[in-house]
Amino acid sequence: MESTQTTLLKLENTTVKRLYKREDQNGINVGETERLASAVGGGALALYGLSRRSWGGLALAILGGSLLYRGTTGHCSTYSALGVNTLKGTESH
């Protein structure tokens, strides 16, 4: 029975490694398309929020700024916490 359990644990570990890849050495864990969408959408949302000149607009500007940061740096803290990486070509460790 131990052999079956060991095999299942190894299989589960391999599957988890494929789904949740680590960040690359530069901390980038967001794919190129996602980065572009985040940067463009975040910049537009930040500008729109600032143009509103209200507390709600400030909240939108902050959200847009965080998306802009995500797009320009390629790092997403939420992805990092969850162990997710959408950057193609990154091998699991």
Protein backbone atom coordinates (compact mmCIF):
# COMPACT_ATOMS: atom_id res chain seq x y z
CA MET A 1 0.00 0.00 0.00
CA GLU A 2 2.88 2.38 0.69
CA SER A 3 4.04 2.03 -2.89
CA THR A 4 0.68 3.18 -4.24
CA GLN A 5 0.57 6.16 -1.88
CA THR A 6 4.13 7.15 -2.78
CA THR A 7 3.33 6.94 -6.48
CA LEU A 8 0.20 9.05 -6.05
CA LEU A 9 2.12 11.69 -4.08
CA LYS A 10 4.80 11.88 -6.77
CA LEU A 11 2.16 12.23 -9.49
CA GLU A 12 0.32 14.91 -7.53
CA ASN A 13 3.56 16.83 -6.91
CA THR A 14 4.47 16.73 -10.61
CA THR A 15 1.00 17.98 -11.60
CA VAL A 16 1.15 20.82 -9.07
CA LYS A 17 4.58 21.85 -10.35
CA ARG A 18 3.24 22.06 -13.89
CA LEU A 19 0.25 24.17 -12.85
CA TYR A 20 2.08 26.46 -10.44
CA LYS A 21 5.38 27.47 -11.89
CA ARG A 22 7.80 29.65 -10.00
CA GLU A 23 8.75 33.14 -11.08
CA ASP A 24 11.76 33.55 -13.30
CA GLN A 25 14.95 34.94 -11.77
CA ASN A 26 13.88 38.54 -12.38
CA GLY A 27 10.56 38.11 -10.54
CA ILE A 28 8.52 38.22 -13.75
CA ASN A 29 5.45 36.00 -13.52
CA VAL A 30 3.05 37.65 -16.00
CA GLY A 31 2.97 36.74 -19.70
CA GLU A 32 3.54 39.30 -22.47
CA THR A 33 -0.08 39.58 -23.66
CA GLU A 34 -1.29 39.95 -20.09
CA ARG A 35 1.37 42.59 -19.41
CA LEU A 36 0.33 44.63 -22.43
CA ALA A 37 -3.36 44.46 -21.51
CA SER A 38 -2.59 45.40 -17.90
CA ALA A 39 -0.41 48.36 -18.89
CA VAL A 40 -2.84 49.78 -21.46
CA GLY A 41 -5.97 49.13 -19.39
CA GLY A 42 -4.33 50.31 -16.18
CA GLY A 43 -3.10 53.53 -17.74
CA ALA A 44 -6.52 54.28 -19.19
CA LEU A 45 -8.25 53.49 -15.90
CA ALA A 46 -5.81 55.68 -13.95
CA LEU A 47 -6.36 58.64 -16.29
CA TYR A 48 -10.13 58.19 -16.18
CA GLY A 49 -10.09 57.97 -12.41
CA LEU A 50 -8.02 61.13 -12.07
CA SER A 51 -10.35 63.00 -14.41
CA ARG A 52 -13.33 62.21 -12.15
CA ARG A 53 -11.92 64.31 -9.26
CA SER A 54 -13.80 62.35 -6.61
CA TRP A 55 -13.07 59.69 -4.00
CA GLY A 56 -14.40 57.03 -6.36
CA GLY A 57 -12.18 58.40 -9.09
CA LEU A 58 -9.20 58.20 -6.73
CA ALA A 59 -10.01 54.54 -6.07
CA LEU A 60 -10.14 53.90 -9.83
CA ALA A 61 -6.83 55.74 -10.30
CA ILE A 62 -5.18 53.60 -7.61
CA LEU A 63 -6.51 50.42 -9.19
CA GLY A 64 -5.34 51.60 -12.61
CA GLY A 65 -1.93 52.43 -11.18
CA SER A 66 -1.56 48.95 -9.75
CA LEU A 67 -2.46 47.43 -13.13
CA LEU A 68 0.01 49.76 -14.84
CA TYR A 69 2.71 48.65 -12.38
CA ARG A 70 1.85 45.00 -13.07
CA GLY A 71 2.11 45.57 -16.79
CA THR A 72 5.37 47.49 -16.75
CA THR A 73 7.23 45.28 -14.28
CA GLY A 74 5.72 41.92 -15.24
CA HIS A 75 5.29 41.05 -11.57
CA CYS A 76 1.95 40.27 -9.94
CA SER A 77 1.98 39.88 -6.15
CA THR A 78 -1.23 37.87 -6.19
CA TYR A 79 0.24 35.43 -8.71
CA SER A 80 3.38 35.24 -6.59
CA ALA A 81 1.40 34.42 -3.44
CA LEU A 82 -0.56 31.72 -5.27
CA GLY A 83 2.49 30.33 -7.08
CA VAL A 84 1.02 31.07 -10.51
CA ASN A 85 3.13 32.01 -13.52
CA THR A 86 1.68 32.81 -16.95
CA LEU A 87 5.05 33.60 -18.51
CA LYS A 88 5.61 31.09 -21.32
CA GLY A 89 8.83 29.13 -21.43
CA THR A 90 9.42 29.23 -17.67
CA GLU A 91 10.44 25.84 -16.37
CA SER A 92 9.20 24.64 -13.00
CA HIS A 93 11.82 24.26 -10.27
